[in-house]
Protein backbone atom coordinates (compact mmCIF):
# COMPACT_ATOMS: atom_id res chain seq x y z
CA MET A 1 -0.35 0.17 -0.02
CA PRO A 2 1.48 3.13 -1.00
CA THR A 3 1.03 6.24 1.06
CA MET A 4 2.92 9.81 2.00
CA GLY A 5 2.89 8.82 5.93
CA TYR A 6 1.17 11.19 8.81
CA LEU A 7 -1.15 7.63 9.02
CA HIS A 8 -4.54 7.99 10.35
CA GLN A 9 -7.48 5.14 11.05
CA GLY A 10 -8.03 6.02 7.03
CA HIS A 11 -4.65 4.44 6.07
CA LEU A 12 -4.99 1.76 8.85
CA SER A 13 -8.64 0.72 7.18
CA LEU A 14 -7.01 0.68 3.78
CA MET A 15 -4.47 -1.91 5.67
CA ARG A 16 -6.29 -3.85 7.39
CA VAL A 17 -8.31 -4.90 3.60
CA ALA A 18 -4.80 -5.42 2.00
CA GLN A 19 -3.60 -7.81 5.53
CA LYS A 20 -7.62 -9.49 4.56
CA THR A 21 -6.47 -10.47 1.12
CA SER A 22 -2.65 -10.43 1.04
CA ASP A 23 -0.44 -13.21 2.96
CA VAL A 24 2.23 -10.10 3.44
CA LEU A 25 1.41 -6.33 3.73
CA VAL A 26 4.05 -3.69 2.60
CA VAL A 27 3.33 -0.21 3.60
CA SER A 28 5.62 2.20 1.58
CA VAL A 29 6.15 5.93 3.04
CA PHE A 30 7.39 8.46 0.50
CA VAL A 31 6.38 12.49 0.12
CA ASN A 32 6.37 12.55 -3.93
CA PRO A 33 7.56 16.12 -5.08
CA THR A 34 6.03 15.28 -8.43
CA GLN A 35 2.69 15.32 -7.95
CA PHE A 36 2.93 18.72 -5.92
CA ASP A 37 2.47 22.17 -8.12
CA PRO A 38 5.06 24.53 -7.08
CA GLN A 39 2.24 26.31 -5.19
CA GLU A 40 1.36 23.79 -3.63
CA ASP A 41 2.55 22.51 0.15
CA PHE A 42 5.24 19.73 -0.44
CA LYS A 43 7.83 21.08 1.67
CA LYS A 44 4.38 22.21 4.19
CA TYR A 45 3.27 18.49 4.11
CA PRO A 46 3.10 16.94 7.86
CA ARG A 47 5.06 14.44 8.59
CA ASN A 48 5.80 11.87 11.21
CA LEU A 49 7.51 8.79 11.00
CA ARG A 50 8.20 7.81 14.23
CA ARG A 51 4.72 7.87 14.77
CA ASP A 52 4.00 6.33 11.65
CA LYS A 53 6.03 3.35 12.72
CA LYS A 54 4.37 2.86 15.64
CA LEU A 55 0.77 2.88 13.97
CA LEU A 56 2.20 0.18 11.82
CA ARG A 57 4.30 -1.21 14.33
CA ASP A 58 1.10 -1.86 15.97
CA LEU A 59 -1.42 -3.10 13.52
CA LYS A 60 1.23 -5.76 12.75
CA CYS A 61 2.72 -4.44 9.45
CA ASP A 62 4.62 -7.01 7.57
CA TYR A 63 7.41 -4.14 5.74
CA LEU A 64 7.67 -0.47 5.78
CA PHE A 65 9.41 1.05 2.44
CA TYR A 66 10.73 4.37 3.65
CA PRO A 67 13.31 5.22 0.40
CA GLN A 68 15.11 8.33 0.50
CA MET A 69 14.98 10.59 -2.06
CA LYS A 70 17.91 10.29 -4.10
CA ASP A 71 16.93 6.69 -4.44
CA VAL A 72 13.94 7.21 -6.20
CA TYR A 73 14.68 9.97 -8.56
CA THR A 74 18.01 9.75 -9.41
CA GLU A 75 21.02 12.73 -10.41
CA GLY A 76 19.29 13.15 -13.87
CA TYR A 77 15.85 11.82 -13.91
CA GLU A 78 13.81 12.14 -16.62
CA THR A 79 11.38 8.98 -17.44
CA TYR A 80 7.61 9.32 -16.78
CA VAL A 81 4.33 8.21 -16.84
CA GLU A 82 1.15 9.80 -18.43
CA VAL A 83 -2.12 8.65 -18.56
CA GLY A 84 -4.54 10.25 -20.81
CA LYS A 85 -8.14 11.00 -21.01
CA SER A 86 -8.80 10.21 -16.88
CA THR A 87 -5.90 12.85 -15.82
CA GLU A 88 -7.84 16.09 -17.64
CA VAL A 89 -10.60 16.62 -15.67
CA LEU A 90 -11.82 17.15 -12.19
CA GLU A 91 -8.31 16.87 -10.24
CA GLY A 92 -6.67 17.00 -13.26
CA ALA A 93 -8.39 20.29 -14.42
CA PHE A 94 -7.00 22.19 -11.06
CA ARG A 95 -3.83 20.25 -10.91
CA PRO A 96 -1.33 20.45 -13.77
CA GLY A 97 1.02 17.70 -14.02
CA HIS A 98 -0.28 15.94 -10.69
CA PHE A 99 -1.19 12.38 -12.57
CA LYS A 100 1.58 12.22 -14.05
CA GLY A 101 3.78 12.01 -10.68
CA VAL A 102 1.19 9.98 -9.46
CA ALA A 103 1.37 7.49 -11.87
CA THR A 104 5.01 7.78 -11.97
CA ILE A 105 5.29 7.41 -8.09
CA VAL A 106 2.93 4.55 -8.19
CA ALA A 107 4.21 2.83 -10.90
CA LYS A 108 7.80 2.83 -9.62
CA LEU A 109 6.73 1.42 -5.99
CA PHE A 110 5.14 -1.83 -8.29
CA ASN A 111 8.45 -2.14 -10.61
CA ILE A 112 10.45 -2.41 -6.21
CA VAL A 113 7.93 -3.98 -4.43
CA GLN A 114 6.04 -6.42 -7.09
CA PRO A 115 2.55 -6.42 -5.24
CA ASP A 116 0.16 -9.04 -6.26
CA VAL A 117 -2.97 -6.43 -4.57
CA ALA A 118 -2.20 -3.21 -4.42
CA VAL A 119 -5.21 -0.69 -1.92
CA PHE A 120 -6.63 2.90 -2.39
CA GLY A 121 -8.97 4.55 -1.57
CA GLN A 122 -12.47 5.75 -2.42
CA LYS A 123 -12.32 9.57 -1.19
CA ASP A 124 -8.91 10.02 -3.95
CA PHE A 125 -11.36 7.76 -6.69
CA GLN A 126 -10.11 9.70 -9.34
CA GLN A 127 -6.13 8.72 -8.43
CA ALA A 128 -7.68 4.91 -8.62
CA VAL A 129 -9.08 4.90 -11.59
CA VAL A 130 -6.26 6.69 -13.45
CA ILE A 131 -4.01 3.57 -11.43
CA LYS A 132 -6.70 1.53 -12.99
CA THR A 133 -6.11 2.29 -15.80
CA MET A 134 -2.15 2.32 -15.83
CA VAL A 135 -2.50 -1.28 -14.81
CA LYS A 136 -4.43 -2.56 -17.86
CA ASP A 137 -2.80 -0.11 -20.32
CA LEU A 138 1.28 -1.26 -19.50
CA ASN A 139 0.42 -4.72 -18.90
CA MET A 140 1.33 -5.08 -14.97
CA PRO A 141 0.23 -7.92 -12.83
CA VAL A 142 -1.28 -5.87 -10.08
CA LYS A 143 -4.74 -5.67 -9.01
CA ILE A 144 -6.15 -2.81 -7.81
CA VAL A 145 -8.84 -2.79 -4.73
CA VAL A 146 -10.71 0.26 -4.00
CA ALA A 147 -11.48 0.36 -0.56
CA PRO A 148 -13.83 2.96 1.14
CA THR A 149 -13.97 6.50 2.75
CA ILE A 150 -13.25 6.82 6.29
CA ARG A 151 -15.30 9.28 8.16
CA GLU A 152 -15.47 11.01 11.56
CA LYS A 153 -18.17 10.72 13.38
CA SER A 154 -18.91 14.08 11.95
CA GLY A 155 -18.47 13.19 8.25
CA LEU A 156 -15.81 14.95 7.56
CA ALA A 157 -13.11 12.41 5.39
CA LEU A 158 -10.23 11.30 7.65
CA SER A 159 -7.07 13.24 5.47
CA SER A 160 -3.64 13.63 6.71
CA ARG A 161 -4.31 17.56 5.36
CA ASN A 162 -6.81 17.98 8.41
CA GLU A 163 -4.19 18.65 10.49
CA TYR A 164 -4.25 21.82 9.32
CA LEU A 165 -7.77 23.25 9.82
CA SER A 166 -8.62 25.41 12.80
CA ASN A 167 -11.77 24.56 15.04
CA VAL A 168 -14.06 26.39 12.98
CA GLN A 169 -11.93 25.45 9.39
CA ARG A 170 -13.30 21.84 10.40
CA LYS A 171 -17.14 22.61 11.51
CA GLN A 172 -16.94 24.73 8.11
CA ALA A 173 -15.87 21.60 6.46
CA LEU A 174 -18.46 19.43 7.25
CA ALA A 175 -20.34 21.37 4.35
CA LEU A 176 -18.36 18.82 1.81
CA PHE A 177 -20.39 16.01 3.00
CA GLN A 178 -23.43 17.22 3.60
CA SER A 179 -23.29 18.84 0.16
CA LEU A 180 -23.01 15.49 -1.29
CA ASN A 181 -25.60 14.28 0.97
CA LEU A 182 -27.61 16.84 -0.52
CA ALA A 183 -27.20 15.80 -4.15
CA LYS A 184 -27.84 12.58 -3.25
CA ARG A 185 -31.30 13.08 -1.34
CA LEU A 186 -32.06 15.62 -5.07
CA ILE A 187 -31.02 12.24 -6.90
CA LYS A 188 -33.44 10.33 -4.66
CA ALA A 189 -36.18 12.44 -5.22
CA GLY A 190 -35.82 12.02 -9.17
CA GLU A 191 -33.39 15.16 -10.07
CA ARG A 192 -31.86 14.31 -13.02
CA GLY A 193 -30.27 16.99 -14.67
CA SER A 194 -26.50 17.45 -12.89
CA LYS A 195 -26.38 21.49 -13.31
CA LYS A 196 -29.26 22.16 -11.04
CA ILE A 197 -27.71 19.64 -8.84
CA GLU A 198 -24.17 21.09 -8.87
CA ASP A 199 -25.97 24.77 -7.88
CA LYS A 200 -27.64 23.91 -4.98
CA MET A 201 -24.15 22.23 -3.65
CA ARG A 202 -22.26 25.37 -4.35
CA LYS A 203 -25.19 27.29 -2.87
CA LEU A 204 -24.82 25.35 0.88
CA ILE A 205 -20.97 25.42 0.63
CA LEU A 206 -20.83 28.87 0.09
CA LYS A 207 -22.43 29.74 3.36
CA GLN A 208 -19.65 29.01 4.77
CA PRO A 209 -17.41 32.13 4.91
CA GLN A 210 -13.55 30.34 4.40
CA ALA A 211 -14.82 27.77 1.86
CA ARG A 212 -13.70 28.30 -2.11
CA ILE A 213 -14.62 25.61 -4.60
CA ASP A 214 -12.31 24.40 -7.23
CA TYR A 215 -14.96 22.67 -8.51
CA VAL A 216 -18.21 20.76 -8.06
CA SER A 217 -19.09 18.21 -11.00
CA ILE A 218 -20.93 14.95 -11.92
CA ASN A 219 -18.93 12.68 -13.19
CA ASN A 220 -19.61 8.75 -14.91
CA SER A 221 -18.00 6.68 -12.26
CA GLU A 222 -16.03 4.59 -15.10
CA THR A 223 -15.09 6.87 -17.46
CA LEU A 224 -14.97 10.33 -15.48
CA GLU A 225 -16.76 11.97 -18.51
CA PRO A 226 -18.90 14.74 -16.94
CA LEU A 227 -22.47 14.31 -17.69
CA LYS A 228 -25.98 16.82 -17.79
CA LYS A 229 -28.30 14.29 -17.59
CA LEU A 230 -27.79 11.71 -14.57
CA LYS A 231 -28.04 7.85 -16.18
CA GLY A 232 -25.66 4.94 -14.73
CA ASN A 233 -22.70 4.44 -12.45
CA ILE A 234 -21.98 8.01 -11.05
CA LEU A 235 -19.99 10.13 -9.42
CA ILE A 236 -20.28 12.54 -7.38
CA SER A 237 -17.17 14.45 -6.49
CA LEU A 238 -15.28 18.68 -5.28
CA ALA A 239 -12.46 20.29 -4.38
CA VAL A 240 -12.72 22.79 -1.96
CA ARG A 241 -10.69 25.18 -0.11
CA VAL A 242 -11.12 26.01 3.58
CA GLY A 243 -9.31 28.79 4.77
CA LYS A 244 -5.42 27.57 3.31
CA THR A 245 -6.59 23.85 3.11
CA ARG A 246 -8.08 22.09 0.21
CA LEU A 247 -9.69 19.06 0.73
CA ILE A 248 -11.17 16.77 -1.74
CA ASP A 249 -14.49 14.17 -1.55
CA ASN A 250 -16.62 12.45 -2.80
CA ILE A 251 -19.41 9.90 -3.28
CA ARG A 252 -20.82 7.45 -6.17
CA THR A 253 -24.67 6.19 -6.62
CA LYS A 254 -26.50 4.59 -9.68
CA VAL A 255 -29.35 5.83 -11.52
């Protein structure tokens, strides 16, 4: 299971899924610079290896893989993996080059560790779609498992970036999950126009004074193609900045 460390219960839940499907669990901790934009928080990204090690020991993880930067990106490094259409929408539209960095580091970790199974979380659903595409297209012998998002009792999706939120901002961040649930209720009531649903989600989120929306979007959950009329398997996703902290979340449903 690839991670960037600063582990929380969401990570641990994915590891338990991995343990159920495998004989040996390998967890990598590597904060990957190539998936951060120059304006993003690579240097400030939370790190606590001592705490991570304790959590992994308690979980009875078999191996921790903790490579150094010079081992992953050697001097003169120039090879990258790029995936096509599925990286051009949602996160890809707002974070140019992000998925190039993600696909490259995951491909490298797969080559080094040689796993049979790799587990990813639904909170980063687009990432899982991109990795699945890469694995299929490059004939990698790895089964990709996508496990459910783990949430706090409040509904806030667990994320290492929650560490940046003040108490006031944490309360305002609850609007993300509330808006996703609003969308689900509207769909259940028969609404099929994505724009109407997205507009109502935006209105709810923007009631919070520190919230700024990057996107609210309804897409096909398999192709990530944006939908005007809801049909089939659906991904409802969003990216919102609360203060300076950028949070993502999503839910899936079917019409």
